[in-house]
């Protein structure tokens, strides 16, 4: 499986609440910093940086979506 997002793409990230439930907060806008290697489970991973806060995260592809 290939990465569907590229470095410098802006994406929405939905925060995860307890036990994987979607948090009620608004989706945040992040910029993809790095496409990480695909791990054993086959899911592409990315390092993303918030456009409004000094926060970076590592997320799987299903945790992010295109803007729009």
PDB file of N, CA and C in Angstrom:
ATOM      1  N   UNK A   1       0.851  -1.184   0.000  1.00  0.00           N
ATOM      2  CA  UNK A   1       0.000   0.000   0.000  1.00  0.00           C
ATOM      3  C   UNK A   1       0.890   1.238   0.000  1.00  0.00           C
ATOM      4  N   UNK A   2       0.575   2.200  -0.832  1.00  0.00           N
ATOM      5  CA  UNK A   2       1.362   3.424  -0.948  1.00  0.00           C
ATOM      6  C   UNK A   2       0.736   4.540  -0.120  1.00  0.00           C
ATOM      7  N   UNK A   3       1.532   5.558   0.168  1.00  0.00           N
ATOM      8  CA  UNK A   3       1.026   6.739   0.869  1.00  0.00           C
ATOM      9  C   UNK A   3       0.108   7.533  -0.061  1.00  0.00           C
ATOM     10  N   UNK A   4      -1.022   7.999   0.454  1.00  0.00           N
ATOM     11  CA  UNK A   4      -1.967   8.795  -0.330  1.00  0.00           C
ATOM     12  C   UNK A   4      -1.793  10.293  -0.115  1.00  0.00           C
ATOM     13  N   UNK A   5      -0.939  10.683   0.811  1.00  0.00           N
ATOM     14  CA  UNK A   5      -0.665  12.084   1.089  1.00  0.00           C
ATOM     15  C   UNK A   5       0.826  12.326   0.889  1.00  0.00           C
ATOM     16  N   UNK A   6       1.187  13.574   0.600  1.00  0.00           N
ATOM     17  CA  UNK A   6       2.587  13.921   0.359  1.00  0.00           C
ATOM     18  C   UNK A   6       3.057  14.954   1.384  1.00  0.00           C
ATOM     19  N   UNK A   7       4.354  15.100   1.492  1.00  0.00           N
ATOM     20  CA  UNK A   7       4.940  16.102   2.380  1.00  0.00           C
ATOM     21  C   UNK A   7       4.412  17.479   1.978  1.00  0.00           C
ATOM     22  N   UNK A   8       4.095  18.294   2.968  1.00  0.00           N
ATOM     23  CA  UNK A   8       3.549  19.652   2.847  1.00  0.00           C
ATOM     24  C   UNK A   8       2.063  19.693   2.495  1.00  0.00           C
ATOM     25  N   UNK A   9       1.381  18.553   2.387  1.00  0.00           N
ATOM     26  CA  UNK A   9      -0.079  18.554   2.237  1.00  0.00           C
ATOM     27  C   UNK A   9      -0.700  18.997   3.560  1.00  0.00           C
ATOM     28  N   UNK A  10      -1.732  19.829   3.494  1.00  0.00           N
ATOM     29  CA  UNK A  10      -2.493  20.185   4.687  1.00  0.00           C
ATOM     30  C   UNK A  10      -3.669  19.221   4.806  1.00  0.00           C
ATOM     31  N   UNK A  11      -3.882  18.713   6.022  1.00  0.00           N
ATOM     32  CA  UNK A  11      -4.921  17.713   6.264  1.00  0.00           C
ATOM     33  C   UNK A  11      -5.668  18.033   7.551  1.00  0.00           C
ATOM     34  N   UNK A  12      -6.847  17.450   7.689  1.00  0.00           N
ATOM     35  CA  UNK A  12      -7.581  17.502   8.959  1.00  0.00           C
ATOM     36  C   UNK A  12      -7.188  16.288   9.782  1.00  0.00           C
ATOM     37  N   UNK A  13      -7.091  16.487  11.091  1.00  0.00           N
ATOM     38  CA  UNK A  13      -6.851  15.369  12.007  1.00  0.00           C
ATOM     39  C   UNK A  13      -7.943  15.387  13.062  1.00  0.00           C
ATOM     40  N   UNK A  14      -8.640  14.283  13.223  1.00  0.00           N
ATOM     41  CA  UNK A  14      -9.672  14.151  14.243  1.00  0.00           C
ATOM     42  C   UNK A  14      -9.033  13.591  15.507  1.00  0.00           C
ATOM     43  N   UNK A  15      -9.085  14.364  16.589  1.00  0.00           N
ATOM     44  CA  UNK A  15      -8.527  13.915  17.858  1.00  0.00           C
ATOM     45  C   UNK A  15      -9.229  12.640  18.320  1.00  0.00           C
ATOM     46  N   UNK A  16      -8.492  11.765  18.973  1.00  0.00           N
ATOM     47  CA  UNK A  16      -9.062  10.533  19.513  1.00  0.00           C
ATOM     48  C   UNK A  16      -9.314  10.708  21.006  1.00  0.00           C
ATOM     49  N   UNK A  17     -10.499  10.324  21.428  1.00  0.00           N
ATOM     50  CA  UNK A  17     -10.846  10.373  22.841  1.00  0.00           C
ATOM     51  C   UNK A  17     -10.476   9.073  23.532  1.00  0.00           C
ATOM     52  N   UNK A  18     -10.948   8.871  24.750  1.00  0.00           N
ATOM     53  CA  UNK A  18     -10.661   7.633  25.476  1.00  0.00           C
ATOM     54  C   UNK A  18     -11.137   6.406  24.696  1.00  0.00           C
ATOM     55  N   UNK A  19     -10.327   5.365  24.717  1.00  0.00           N
ATOM     56  CA  UNK A  19     -10.626   4.076  24.088  1.00  0.00           C
ATOM     57  C   UNK A  19     -10.916   4.227  22.597  1.00  0.00           C
ATOM     58  N   UNK A  20     -10.258   5.193  21.934  1.00  0.00           N
ATOM     59  CA  UNK A  20     -10.382   5.348  20.496  1.00  0.00           C
ATOM     60  C   UNK A  20     -11.628   6.064  20.014  1.00  0.00           C
ATOM     61  N   UNK A  21     -12.486   6.530  20.924  1.00  0.00           N
ATOM     62  CA  UNK A  21     -13.684   7.263  20.486  1.00  0.00           C
ATOM     63  C   UNK A  21     -13.279   8.631  19.961  1.00  0.00           C
ATOM     64  N   UNK A  22     -13.973   9.086  18.948  1.00  0.00           N
ATOM     65  CA  UNK A  22     -13.685  10.411  18.396  1.00  0.00           C
ATOM     66  C   UNK A  22     -13.987  11.469  19.446  1.00  0.00           C
ATOM     67  N   UNK A  23     -13.088  12.390  19.602  1.00  0.00           N
ATOM     68  CA  UNK A  23     -13.261  13.487  20.550  1.00  0.00           C
ATOM     69  C   UNK A  23     -14.259  14.485  19.962  1.00  0.00           C
ATOM     70  N   UNK A  24     -14.955  15.219  20.814  1.00  0.00           N
ATOM     71  CA  UNK A  24     -15.972  16.162  20.346  1.00  0.00           C
ATOM     72  C   UNK A  24     -15.374  17.476  19.846  1.00  0.00           C
ATOM     73  N   UNK A  25     -14.081  17.686  20.047  1.00  0.00           N
ATOM     74  CA  UNK A  25     -13.452  18.919  19.596  1.00  0.00           C
ATOM     75  C   UNK A  25     -13.426  18.969  18.077  1.00  0.00           C
ATOM     76  N   UNK A  26     -13.302  20.195  17.561  1.00  0.00           N
ATOM     77  CA  UNK A  26     -13.198  20.403  16.124  1.00  0.00           C
ATOM     78  C   UNK A  26     -11.974  19.694  15.564  1.00  0.00           C
ATOM     79  N   UNK A  27     -12.062  19.332  14.294  1.00  0.00           N
ATOM     80  CA  UNK A  27     -10.898  18.763  13.639  1.00  0.00           C
ATOM     81  C   UNK A  27      -9.848  19.853  13.477  1.00  0.00           C
ATOM     82  N   UNK A  28      -8.606  19.500  13.689  1.00  0.00           N
ATOM     83  CA  UNK A  28      -7.507  20.449  13.587  1.00  0.00           C
ATOM     84  C   UNK A  28      -6.818  20.316  12.238  1.00  0.00           C
ATOM     85  N   UNK A  29      -6.216  21.415  11.769  1.00  0.00           N
ATOM     86  CA  UNK A  29      -5.479  21.399  10.511  1.00  0.00           C
ATOM     87  C   UNK A  29      -4.004  21.160  10.818  1.00  0.00           C
ATOM     88  N   UNK A  30      -3.425  20.208  10.112  1.00  0.00           N
ATOM     89  CA  UNK A  30      -2.025  19.838  10.271  1.00  0.00           C
ATOM     90  C   UNK A  30      -1.363  19.801   8.906  1.00  0.00           C
ATOM     91  N   UNK A  31      -0.035  19.930   8.897  1.00  0.00           N
ATOM     92  CA  UNK A  31       0.764  19.797   7.681  1.00  0.00           C
ATOM     93  C   UNK A  31       1.593  18.527   7.796  1.00  0.00           C
ATOM     94  N   UNK A  32       1.636  17.754   6.727  1.00  0.00           N
ATOM     95  CA  UNK A  32       2.436  16.524   6.734  1.00  0.00           C
ATOM     96  C   UNK A  32       3.899  16.901   6.648  1.00  0.00           C
ATOM     97  N   UNK A  33       4.675  16.427   7.626  1.00  0.00           N
ATOM     98  CA  UNK A  33       6.094  16.736   7.717  1.00  0.00           C
ATOM     99  C   UNK A  33       6.916  15.609   7.083  1.00  0.00           C
ATOM    100  N   UNK A  34       6.528  14.361   7.349  1.00  0.00           N
ATOM    101  CA  UNK A  34       7.276  13.205   6.866  1.00  0.00           C
ATOM    102  C   UNK A  34       6.333  12.047   6.589  1.00  0.00           C
ATOM    103  N   UNK A  35       6.596  11.328   5.517  1.00  0.00           N
ATOM    104  CA  UNK A  35       5.915  10.052   5.268  1.00  0.00           C
ATOM    105  C   UNK A  35       6.796   8.973   5.893  1.00  0.00           C
ATOM    106  N   UNK A  36       6.273   8.303   6.898  1.00  0.00           N
ATOM    107  CA  UNK A  36       7.038   7.280   7.607  1.00  0.00           C
ATOM    108  C   UNK A  36       6.917   5.940   6.883  1.00  0.00           C
ATOM    109  N   UNK A  37       7.844   5.017   7.128  1.00  0.00           N
ATOM    110  CA  UNK A  37       7.754   3.704   6.489  1.00  0.00           C
ATOM    111  C   UNK A  37       6.459   2.984   6.870  1.00  0.00           C
ATOM    112  N   UNK A  38       5.948   2.202   5.945  1.00  0.00           N
ATOM    113  CA  UNK A  38       4.758   1.398   6.209  1.00  0.00           C
ATOM    114  C   UNK A  38       5.185   0.252   7.118  1.00  0.00           C
ATOM    115  N   UNK A  39       4.468   0.085   8.234  1.00  0.00           N
ATOM    116  CA  UNK A  39       4.860  -0.922   9.210  1.00  0.00           C
ATOM    117  C   UNK A  39       4.197  -2.263   8.924  1.00  0.00           C
ATOM    118  N   UNK A  40       4.418  -3.219   9.770  1.00  0.00           N
ATOM    119  CA  UNK A  40       3.968  -4.600   9.564  1.00  0.00           C
ATOM    120  C   UNK A  40       2.462  -4.723   9.386  1.00  0.00           C
ATOM    121  N   UNK A  41       1.681  -3.822   9.978  1.00  0.00           N
ATOM    122  CA  UNK A  41       0.227  -3.907   9.847  1.00  0.00           C
ATOM    123  C   UNK A  41      -0.270  -3.379   8.502  1.00  0.00           C
ATOM    124  N   UNK A  42       0.628  -2.834   7.678  1.00  0.00           N
ATOM    125  CA  UNK A  42       0.283  -2.388   6.337  1.00  0.00           C
ATOM    126  C   UNK A  42      -0.305  -0.989   6.241  1.00  0.00           C
ATOM    127  N   UNK A  43      -0.442  -0.293   7.373  1.00  0.00           N
ATOM    128  CA  UNK A  43      -1.036   1.047   7.349  1.00  0.00           C
ATOM    129  C   UNK A  43       0.046   2.106   7.202  1.00  0.00           C
ATOM    130  N   UNK A  44      -0.103   2.997   6.207  1.00  0.00           N
ATOM    131  CA  UNK A  44       0.845   4.104   6.075  1.00  0.00           C
ATOM    132  C   UNK A  44       0.759   5.041   7.291  1.00  0.00           C
ATOM    133  N   UNK A  45       1.897   5.527   7.716  1.00  0.00           N
ATOM    134  CA  UNK A  45       1.955   6.452   8.847  1.00  0.00           C
ATOM    135  C   UNK A  45       2.634   7.739   8.409  1.00  0.00           C
ATOM    136  N   UNK A  46       2.276   8.823   9.129  1.00  0.00           N
ATOM    137  CA  UNK A  46       2.800  10.149   8.815  1.00  0.00           C
ATOM    138  C   UNK A  46       3.159  10.875  10.098  1.00  0.00           C
ATOM    139  N   UNK A  47       4.149  11.773  10.009  1.00  0.00           N
ATOM    140  CA  UNK A  47       4.402  12.738  11.088  1.00  0.00           C
ATOM    141  C   UNK A  47       3.753  14.021  10.616  1.00  0.00           C
ATOM    142  N   UNK A  48       2.871  14.585  11.457  1.00  0.00           N
ATOM    143  CA  UNK A  48       2.154  15.803  11.092  1.00  0.00           C
ATOM    144  C   UNK A  48       2.418  16.885  12.132  1.00  0.00           C
ATOM    145  N   UNK A  49       2.359  18.155  11.707  1.00  0.00           N
ATOM    146  CA  UNK A  49       2.590  19.302  12.594  1.00  0.00           C
ATOM    147  C   UNK A  49       1.380  20.216  12.517  1.00  0.00           C
ATOM    148  N   UNK A  50       0.901  20.663  13.673  1.00  0.00           N
ATOM    149  CA  UNK A  50      -0.230  21.574  13.747  1.00  0.00           C
ATOM    150  C   UNK A  50       0.125  22.903  13.105  1.00  0.00           C
ATOM    151  N   UNK A  51      -0.857  23.492  12.409  1.00  0.00           N
ATOM    152  CA  UNK A  51      -0.637  24.813  11.812  1.00  0.00           C
ATOM    153  C   UNK A  51      -0.883  25.935  12.812  1.00  0.00           C
ATOM    154  N   UNK A  52      -1.493  25.628  13.957  1.00  0.00           N
ATOM    155  CA  UNK A  52      -1.828  26.670  14.934  1.00  0.00           C
ATOM    156  C   UNK A  52      -1.119  26.507  16.280  1.00  0.00           C
ATOM    157  N   UNK A  53      -0.630  25.315  16.583  1.00  0.00           N
ATOM    158  CA  UNK A  53       0.034  25.054  17.862  1.00  0.00           C
ATOM    159  C   UNK A  53       1.399  24.439  17.594  1.00  0.00           C
ATOM    160  N   UNK A  54       2.227  24.408  18.613  1.00  0.00           N
ATOM    161  CA  UNK A  54       3.545  23.786  18.498  1.00  0.00           C
ATOM    162  C   UNK A  54       3.428  22.309  18.872  1.00  0.00           C
ATOM    163  N   UNK A  55       2.722  21.538  18.016  1.00  0.00           N
ATOM    164  CA  UNK A  55       2.444  20.134  18.300  1.00  0.00           C
ATOM    165  C   UNK A  55       2.748  19.296  17.063  1.00  0.00           C
ATOM    166  N   UNK A  56       3.430  18.173  17.274  1.00  0.00           N
ATOM    167  CA  UNK A  56       3.633  17.183  16.216  1.00  0.00           C
ATOM    168  C   UNK A  56       3.082  15.851  16.688  1.00  0.00           C
ATOM    169  N   UNK A  57       2.583  15.053  15.746  1.00  0.00           N
ATOM    170  CA  UNK A  57       2.013  13.744  16.060  1.00  0.00           C
ATOM    171  C   UNK A  57       2.427  12.750  14.989  1.00  0.00           C
ATOM    172  N   UNK A  58       2.394  11.473  15.344  1.00  0.00           N
ATOM    173  CA  UNK A  58       2.508  10.403  14.370  1.00  0.00           C
ATOM    174  C   UNK A  58       1.126   9.775  14.276  1.00  0.00           C
ATOM    175  N   UNK A  59       0.595   9.700  13.044  1.00  0.00           N
ATOM    176  CA  UNK A  59      -0.770   9.207  12.847  1.00  0.00           C
ATOM    177  C   UNK A  59      -0.791   8.195  11.702  1.00  0.00           C
ATOM    178  N   UNK A  60      -1.836   7.376  11.703  1.00  0.00           N
ATOM    179  CA  UNK A  60      -2.061   6.481  10.579  1.00  0.00           C
ATOM    180  C   UNK A  60      -2.941   7.194   9.560  1.00  0.00           C
ATOM    181  N   UNK A  61      -2.973   6.671   8.345  1.00  0.00           N
ATOM    182  CA  UNK A  61      -3.681   7.337   7.275  1.00  0.00           C
ATOM    183  C   UNK A  61      -5.188   7.481   7.543  1.00  0.00           C
ATOM    184  N   UNK A  62      -5.775   6.536   8.262  1.00  0.00           N
ATOM    185  CA  UNK A  62      -7.221   6.646   8.519  1.00  0.00           C
ATOM    186  C   UNK A  62      -7.573   7.710   9.560  1.00  0.00           C
ATOM    187  N   UNK A  63      -6.587   8.273  10.223  1.00  0.00           N
ATOM    188  CA  UNK A  63      -6.829   9.328  11.207  1.00  0.00           C
ATOM    189  C   UNK A  63      -6.828  10.726  10.591  1.00  0.00           C
ATOM    190  N   UNK A  64      -6.476  10.829   9.315  1.00  0.00           N
ATOM    191  CA  UNK A  64      -6.424  12.131   8.670  1.00  0.00           C
ATOM    192  C   UNK A  64      -7.292  12.128   7.407  1.00  0.00           C
ATOM    193  N   UNK A  65      -7.679  13.335   6.979  1.00  0.00           N
ATOM    194  CA  UNK A  65      -8.481  13.466   5.754  1.00  0.00           C
ATOM    195  C   UNK A  65      -8.089  14.753   5.044  1.00  0.00           C
ATOM    196  N   UNK A  66      -8.393  14.803   3.774  1.00  0.00           N
ATOM    197  CA  UNK A  66      -8.080  15.986   2.955  1.00  0.00           C
ATOM    198  C   UNK A  66      -8.937  17.170   3.380  1.00  0.00           C
ATOM    199  N   UNK A  67      -8.394  18.366   3.237  1.00  0.00           N
ATOM    200  CA  UNK A  67      -9.171  19.576   3.512  1.00  0.00           C
ATOM    201  C   UNK A  67     -10.251  19.717   2.444  1.00  0.00           C
ATOM    202  N   UNK A  68     -11.369  20.306   2.845  1.00  0.00           N
ATOM    203  CA  UNK A  68     -12.378  20.609   1.848  1.00  0.00           C
ATOM    204  C   UNK A  68     -13.681  19.962   2.017  1.00  0.00           C
TER     205      UNK A  68
END
